[in-house]
Protein backbone atom coordinates (compact mmCIF):
# COMPACT_ATOMS: atom_id res chain seq x y z
CA MET A 1 0.00 0.00 0.00
CA LYS A 2 1.24 3.49 -0.81
CA GLN A 3 -0.38 6.70 0.35
CA HIS A 4 0.63 10.35 0.54
CA ILE A 5 -0.94 13.65 1.48
CA ALA A 6 -1.68 15.54 -1.72
CA HIS A 7 -3.07 18.83 -0.41
CA PHE A 8 -4.16 20.52 2.78
CA ALA A 9 -6.35 23.60 3.06
CA LEU A 10 -5.15 26.94 4.36
CA VAL A 11 -8.07 29.28 5.05
CA VAL A 12 -7.42 32.77 3.63
CA ASN A 13 -9.31 36.05 3.35
CA ASP A 14 -8.59 36.67 -0.32
CA TYR A 15 -7.24 34.43 -3.09
CA ASP A 16 -5.23 37.09 -4.89
CA ASP A 17 -3.61 38.52 -1.75
CA ALA A 18 -2.61 35.02 -0.67
CA ILE A 19 -1.27 34.12 -4.12
CA GLU A 20 0.78 37.31 -4.19
CA PHE A 21 2.24 36.70 -0.73
CA TYR A 22 3.16 33.07 -1.30
CA THR A 23 4.49 33.47 -4.84
CA GLN A 24 6.22 36.84 -4.46
CA LYS A 25 7.40 36.91 -0.83
CA LEU A 26 8.01 33.20 -0.22
CA ARG A 27 8.76 32.39 -3.89
CA PHE A 28 6.37 29.41 -4.00
CA ASN A 29 5.06 28.14 -7.32
CA LEU A 30 1.45 28.67 -8.33
CA ILE A 31 0.46 25.16 -9.41
CA GLU A 32 -3.18 25.78 -10.33
CA ASP A 33 -5.78 28.55 -10.23
CA THR A 34 -9.10 27.34 -11.55
CA VAL A 35 -12.38 29.24 -11.17
CA LEU A 36 -15.09 26.93 -9.83
CA SER A 37 -17.86 29.50 -9.27
CA GLU A 38 -18.33 33.22 -8.70
CA THR A 39 -16.94 32.87 -5.18
CA LYS A 40 -14.78 29.75 -5.25
CA ARG A 41 -11.48 28.87 -6.89
CA TRP A 42 -9.19 25.85 -6.76
CA VAL A 43 -5.82 27.42 -5.97
CA LEU A 44 -2.79 25.23 -5.32
CA ILE A 45 0.66 26.52 -4.34
CA ALA A 46 3.85 24.69 -3.39
CA PRO A 47 7.42 25.52 -2.45
CA LYS A 48 9.92 25.34 -5.29
CA GLY A 49 11.05 21.77 -5.82
CA SER A 50 8.04 20.31 -4.00
CA ILE A 51 5.82 17.96 -5.95
CA GLU A 52 4.18 15.69 -3.39
CA CYS A 53 2.10 18.06 -1.28
CA CYS A 54 0.49 21.38 -2.17
CA ILE A 55 -1.33 23.98 -0.13
CA LEU A 56 -4.93 24.57 -1.21
CA LEU A 57 -5.75 28.23 -0.62
CA ALA A 58 -9.36 28.14 0.58
CA LYS A 59 -11.18 31.45 0.84
CA ALA A 60 -13.20 31.72 4.04
CA ALA A 61 -16.86 31.39 3.08
CA ASN A 62 -18.63 32.17 6.36
CA GLU A 63 -18.06 33.82 9.74
CA GLU A 64 -16.82 30.66 11.42
CA GLN A 65 -14.21 30.11 8.71
CA LYS A 66 -13.22 33.79 8.79
CA SER A 67 -12.58 33.46 12.53
CA ARG A 68 -9.95 30.79 11.77
CA VAL A 69 -7.92 32.81 9.25
CA GLY A 70 -4.45 33.26 10.68
CA ASN A 71 -4.98 31.00 13.65
CA GLN A 72 -5.84 27.54 12.45
CA THR A 73 -3.75 25.90 15.20
CA GLY A 74 -4.49 28.03 18.26
CA GLY A 75 -1.16 29.86 18.11
CA ARG A 76 1.16 26.89 17.54
CA VAL A 77 3.48 26.60 14.58
CA PHE A 78 1.23 25.46 11.75
CA MET A 79 3.55 24.54 8.91
CA PHE A 80 7.14 23.44 8.51
CA LEU A 81 9.10 24.63 5.48
CA TYR A 82 12.19 22.47 5.03
CA THR A 83 15.07 23.90 3.04
CA ASP A 84 18.41 22.69 1.71
CA ASP A 85 20.00 26.10 2.47
CA PHE A 86 18.69 27.81 5.60
CA TRP A 87 20.75 30.99 5.33
CA ARG A 88 19.93 31.56 1.63
CA ASP A 89 16.21 31.32 2.32
CA TYR A 90 16.33 33.19 5.62
CA HIS A 91 18.13 36.19 4.06
CA ALA A 92 15.79 36.17 1.04
CA MET A 93 12.78 36.17 3.34
CA VAL A 94 14.16 38.99 5.48
CA ALA A 95 14.81 40.99 2.28
CA ASN A 96 11.16 40.33 1.30
CA LYS A 97 10.04 41.72 4.69
CA ILE A 98 8.84 38.40 6.10
CA LYS A 99 8.30 38.87 9.84
CA PHE A 100 10.30 36.47 11.99
CA ILE A 101 8.85 35.78 15.43
CA ARG A 102 11.90 33.81 16.60
CA GLY A 103 15.28 34.29 15.01
CA PRO A 104 17.63 31.55 13.82
CA GLN A 105 18.67 28.97 16.37
CA GLU A 106 20.92 25.96 16.15
CA GLU A 107 19.15 22.96 17.63
CA GLU A 108 20.10 19.29 17.87
CA TYR A 109 17.97 18.56 14.82
CA GLY A 110 19.03 21.54 12.68
CA THR A 111 18.79 25.28 12.12
CA VAL A 112 15.34 26.77 12.66
CA ALA A 113 13.53 30.11 12.79
CA VAL A 114 9.83 30.91 13.15
CA PHE A 115 8.08 33.32 10.78
CA GLU A 116 4.52 34.35 10.13
CA ASP A 117 2.60 34.51 6.89
CA LEU A 118 0.41 37.42 5.81
CA TYR A 119 -2.40 36.28 8.13
CA GLY A 120 -0.26 35.49 11.18
CA ASN A 121 -0.02 31.70 10.81
CA LEU A 122 3.28 30.53 12.25
CA TRP A 123 5.79 28.56 10.18
CA ASP A 124 9.14 26.97 10.95
CA LEU A 125 11.89 27.52 8.40
CA LEU A 126 14.07 24.50 8.99
CA GLN A 127 17.23 22.93 7.64
CA ARG A 128 17.74 19.54 9.23
CA LYS A 129 21.15 18.24 10.19
CA ASN A 130 22.30 15.17 8.32
């Protein structure tokens, strides 16, 4: 048996603002942007070099969903962006005005820093030690 996670939903306020942030500031690839209705689109993004799992940008459709934008995990780190060159990506993100909540730290498992996306979701930028 073989399984893998293909996509997971990230609730956002606006498709175009989210696309701009993730593709311009974080340099992710826009994989797909298909209009499904007047209010709904199928928008997939992924980090460069990633092919197995994409983020589905899901526009909040009601008040309950809107209340979750930016805090889908109750304030914990939500996503983990692995990199093959921590310092390259860290400096590029700082130059793109990405807000880091915790600066770079060397840990037993690798180099890590915590940043937030345009809605305040927390991410780890992480380069694992071999």
